[in-house]
Amino acid sequence: MCPWTEEQPEPRPRGFLQRAPDRLRLYLDRGEDPDVVAAADVRTSGALTALLAALPSLIEETGGPPEGDPHCSRLADLTSW
């Protein structure tokens, strides 16, 4: 069962990690290269609908190499977005 009904979203959700009570790290990959995983730290109490729509471009603009996270190749801190 997939969480989408038509085409797969870009980037595709790959997993998540609860970092603190109000912080979540979302892991994403792209369909054409599923080995490159990006991550974004977000606040769960924030406006996630707008954030999810802007996520692909935000990771490209603000993401850098992660420190201490072997599960991703790029990390964007979007907790204040």
N, C-alpha and C. Protein backbone atom coordinates (compact mmCIF):
# COMPACT_ATOMS: atom_id res chain seq x y z
N MET A 1 0.84 -1.17 0.00
CA MET A 1 0.00 0.00 0.00
C MET A 1 0.89 1.24 0.00
N CYS A 2 0.59 2.20 -0.85
CA CYS A 2 1.37 3.43 -0.98
C CYS A 2 0.57 4.61 -0.43
N PRO A 3 1.26 5.62 0.13
CA PRO A 3 0.54 6.79 0.66
C PRO A 3 0.11 7.78 -0.42
N TRP A 4 0.31 7.48 -1.69
CA TRP A 4 -0.12 8.36 -2.77
C TRP A 4 -1.05 7.59 -3.69
N THR A 5 -1.84 8.29 -4.47
CA THR A 5 -2.82 7.63 -5.31
C THR A 5 -2.49 7.70 -6.80
N GLU A 6 -1.66 8.64 -7.21
CA GLU A 6 -1.36 8.78 -8.63
C GLU A 6 0.13 8.56 -8.85
N GLU A 7 0.86 9.61 -9.15
CA GLU A 7 2.30 9.50 -9.35
C GLU A 7 3.03 9.59 -8.03
N GLN A 8 4.19 8.96 -7.96
CA GLN A 8 4.98 9.05 -6.74
C GLN A 8 5.49 10.47 -6.57
N PRO A 9 5.50 10.97 -5.33
CA PRO A 9 5.98 12.34 -5.10
C PRO A 9 7.48 12.46 -5.36
N GLU A 10 7.94 13.64 -5.63
CA GLU A 10 9.36 13.90 -5.88
C GLU A 10 9.82 14.98 -4.93
N PRO A 11 10.65 14.80 -4.01
CA PRO A 11 11.34 13.56 -3.67
C PRO A 11 10.42 12.61 -2.89
N ARG A 12 10.81 11.34 -2.88
CA ARG A 12 9.99 10.32 -2.22
C ARG A 12 10.38 10.19 -0.75
N PRO A 13 9.39 10.04 0.13
CA PRO A 13 9.70 9.80 1.54
C PRO A 13 10.39 8.45 1.69
N ARG A 14 11.41 8.41 2.52
CA ARG A 14 12.15 7.16 2.73
C ARG A 14 12.11 6.71 4.19
N GLY A 15 11.94 7.66 5.10
CA GLY A 15 11.87 7.31 6.51
C GLY A 15 11.94 8.56 7.37
N PHE A 16 11.95 8.36 8.67
CA PHE A 16 12.05 9.50 9.58
C PHE A 16 12.71 9.04 10.87
N LEU A 17 13.18 10.02 11.65
CA LEU A 17 13.79 9.78 12.94
C LEU A 17 13.32 10.87 13.90
N GLN A 18 12.74 10.48 15.02
CA GLN A 18 12.31 11.46 16.04
C GLN A 18 13.57 11.94 16.76
N ARG A 19 13.90 13.22 16.65
CA ARG A 19 15.12 13.78 17.23
C ARG A 19 14.88 14.39 18.61
N ALA A 20 13.70 14.89 18.84
CA ALA A 20 13.30 15.50 20.11
C ALA A 20 11.77 15.54 20.11
N PRO A 21 11.15 15.92 21.22
CA PRO A 21 9.68 15.92 21.23
C PRO A 21 9.03 16.74 20.10
N ASP A 22 9.67 17.82 19.66
CA ASP A 22 9.08 18.66 18.62
C ASP A 22 9.94 18.69 17.35
N ARG A 23 10.86 17.75 17.20
CA ARG A 23 11.75 17.75 16.03
C ARG A 23 11.78 16.38 15.39
N LEU A 24 11.70 16.40 14.07
CA LEU A 24 11.66 15.19 13.28
C LEU A 24 12.64 15.34 12.13
N ARG A 25 13.41 14.30 11.83
CA ARG A 25 14.28 14.30 10.66
C ARG A 25 13.61 13.44 9.59
N LEU A 26 13.26 14.07 8.48
CA LEU A 26 12.64 13.37 7.35
C LEU A 26 13.72 12.95 6.36
N TYR A 27 13.72 11.69 5.95
CA TYR A 27 14.67 11.18 4.95
C TYR A 27 13.93 11.01 3.63
N LEU A 28 14.54 11.48 2.54
CA LEU A 28 13.92 11.49 1.22
C LEU A 28 14.92 11.02 0.17
N ASP A 29 14.40 10.44 -0.92
CA ASP A 29 15.26 10.12 -2.05
C ASP A 29 14.56 10.53 -3.34
N ARG A 30 15.32 10.54 -4.41
CA ARG A 30 14.77 10.88 -5.73
C ARG A 30 14.58 9.59 -6.51
N GLY A 31 13.56 9.55 -7.33
CA GLY A 31 13.27 8.35 -8.10
C GLY A 31 14.39 7.91 -9.01
N GLU A 32 15.06 8.89 -9.65
CA GLU A 32 16.11 8.54 -10.61
C GLU A 32 17.41 8.10 -9.92
N ASP A 33 17.60 8.44 -8.65
CA ASP A 33 18.81 8.06 -7.93
C ASP A 33 18.46 7.77 -6.48
N PRO A 34 17.90 6.58 -6.19
CA PRO A 34 17.45 6.27 -4.83
C PRO A 34 18.59 6.09 -3.83
N ASP A 35 19.84 6.04 -4.28
CA ASP A 35 20.97 5.89 -3.36
C ASP A 35 21.36 7.20 -2.70
N VAL A 36 20.99 8.34 -3.30
CA VAL A 36 21.28 9.64 -2.72
C VAL A 36 20.11 10.02 -1.83
N VAL A 37 20.36 10.08 -0.54
CA VAL A 37 19.31 10.37 0.42
C VAL A 37 19.55 11.74 1.03
N ALA A 38 18.52 12.57 1.01
CA ALA A 38 18.58 13.88 1.65
C ALA A 38 17.74 13.82 2.92
N ALA A 39 18.04 14.68 3.85
CA ALA A 39 17.27 14.74 5.09
C ALA A 39 16.96 16.18 5.43
N ALA A 40 15.85 16.38 6.12
CA ALA A 40 15.45 17.71 6.56
C ALA A 40 14.96 17.61 7.99
N ASP A 41 15.50 18.46 8.85
CA ASP A 41 15.01 18.56 10.22
C ASP A 41 13.86 19.56 10.25
N VAL A 42 12.73 19.15 10.80
CA VAL A 42 11.55 20.00 10.85
C VAL A 42 10.94 19.96 12.25
N ARG A 43 10.15 20.98 12.57
CA ARG A 43 9.38 21.00 13.81
C ARG A 43 8.01 20.39 13.51
N THR A 44 7.58 19.47 14.34
CA THR A 44 6.28 18.83 14.10
C THR A 44 5.12 19.75 14.42
N SER A 45 5.36 20.80 15.18
CA SER A 45 4.29 21.75 15.49
C SER A 45 4.20 22.88 14.46
N GLY A 46 5.07 22.89 13.48
CA GLY A 46 5.08 23.94 12.47
C GLY A 46 4.09 23.67 11.35
N ALA A 47 4.09 24.53 10.35
CA ALA A 47 3.19 24.41 9.20
C ALA A 47 3.80 23.44 8.20
N LEU A 48 3.59 22.16 8.38
CA LEU A 48 4.23 21.14 7.54
C LEU A 48 3.68 21.08 6.13
N THR A 49 2.44 21.48 5.90
CA THR A 49 1.88 21.41 4.55
C THR A 49 2.66 22.29 3.58
N ALA A 50 2.91 23.53 3.94
CA ALA A 50 3.67 24.43 3.08
C ALA A 50 5.12 23.97 2.97
N LEU A 51 5.67 23.48 4.06
CA LEU A 51 7.05 23.01 4.06
C LEU A 51 7.22 21.83 3.12
N LEU A 52 6.31 20.87 3.16
CA LEU A 52 6.42 19.69 2.30
C LEU A 52 6.34 20.06 0.83
N ALA A 53 5.56 21.08 0.50
CA ALA A 53 5.45 21.52 -0.89
C ALA A 53 6.75 22.15 -1.36
N ALA A 54 7.45 22.85 -0.48
CA ALA A 54 8.69 23.55 -0.85
C ALA A 54 9.93 22.71 -0.59
N LEU A 55 9.79 21.54 -0.03
CA LEU A 55 10.93 20.73 0.41
C LEU A 55 11.99 20.46 -0.65
N PRO A 56 11.64 20.06 -1.87
CA PRO A 56 12.70 19.77 -2.85
C PRO A 56 13.64 20.95 -3.09
N SER A 57 13.10 22.14 -3.29
CA SER A 57 13.97 23.28 -3.56
C SER A 57 14.70 23.73 -2.31
N LEU A 58 14.09 23.61 -1.12
CA LEU A 58 14.76 24.01 0.11
C LEU A 58 15.97 23.14 0.40
N ILE A 59 15.87 21.85 0.15
CA ILE A 59 17.02 20.97 0.38
C ILE A 59 18.14 21.31 -0.58
N GLU A 60 17.81 21.59 -1.84
CA GLU A 60 18.84 21.96 -2.81
C GLU A 60 19.53 23.27 -2.43
N GLU A 61 18.77 24.24 -1.92
CA GLU A 61 19.31 25.56 -1.60
C GLU A 61 20.08 25.58 -0.29
N THR A 62 19.58 24.88 0.73
CA THR A 62 20.15 25.02 2.07
C THR A 62 20.86 23.78 2.57
N GLY A 63 20.72 22.67 1.89
CA GLY A 63 21.28 21.42 2.39
C GLY A 63 22.78 21.32 2.22
N GLY A 64 23.42 20.76 3.21
CA GLY A 64 24.85 20.54 3.16
C GLY A 64 25.17 19.15 3.68
N PRO A 65 26.44 18.80 3.72
CA PRO A 65 26.80 17.48 4.24
C PRO A 65 26.41 17.35 5.71
N PRO A 66 25.89 16.20 6.11
CA PRO A 66 25.46 16.02 7.49
C PRO A 66 26.65 15.75 8.41
N GLU A 67 26.50 16.13 9.68
CA GLU A 67 27.50 15.80 10.68
C GLU A 67 26.94 14.67 11.54
N GLY A 68 27.59 13.54 11.53
CA GLY A 68 27.20 12.45 12.40
C GLY A 68 25.95 11.69 12.01
N ASP A 69 25.48 11.80 10.79
CA ASP A 69 24.32 11.02 10.35
C ASP A 69 24.72 10.21 9.12
N PRO A 70 24.96 8.92 9.29
CA PRO A 70 25.39 8.10 8.16
C PRO A 70 24.27 7.72 7.20
N HIS A 71 23.03 8.13 7.51
CA HIS A 71 21.89 7.72 6.70
C HIS A 71 21.56 8.67 5.56
N CYS A 72 22.26 9.80 5.44
CA CYS A 72 21.94 10.75 4.38
C CYS A 72 23.20 11.40 3.83
N SER A 73 23.08 11.96 2.64
CA SER A 73 24.21 12.64 2.00
C SER A 73 24.08 14.16 2.05
N ARG A 74 22.86 14.66 2.32
CA ARG A 74 22.59 16.09 2.45
C ARG A 74 21.64 16.28 3.63
N LEU A 75 21.80 17.39 4.35
CA LEU A 75 20.93 17.68 5.48
C LEU A 75 20.58 19.15 5.50
N ALA A 76 19.32 19.46 5.60
CA ALA A 76 18.85 20.86 5.69
C ALA A 76 18.12 21.03 7.01
N ASP A 77 18.51 22.04 7.78
CA ASP A 77 17.82 22.36 9.04
C ASP A 77 16.70 23.35 8.72
N LEU A 78 15.50 22.87 8.71
CA LEU A 78 14.33 23.70 8.37
C LEU A 78 13.45 23.92 9.59
N THR A 79 14.02 23.83 10.78
CA THR A 79 13.23 23.98 12.00
C THR A 79 12.75 25.42 12.21
N SER A 80 13.41 26.38 11.60
CA SER A 80 12.96 27.77 11.76
C SER A 80 12.26 28.29 10.50
N TRP A 81 11.99 27.43 9.56
CA TRP A 81 11.36 27.85 8.32
C TRP A 81 9.90 28.10 8.54
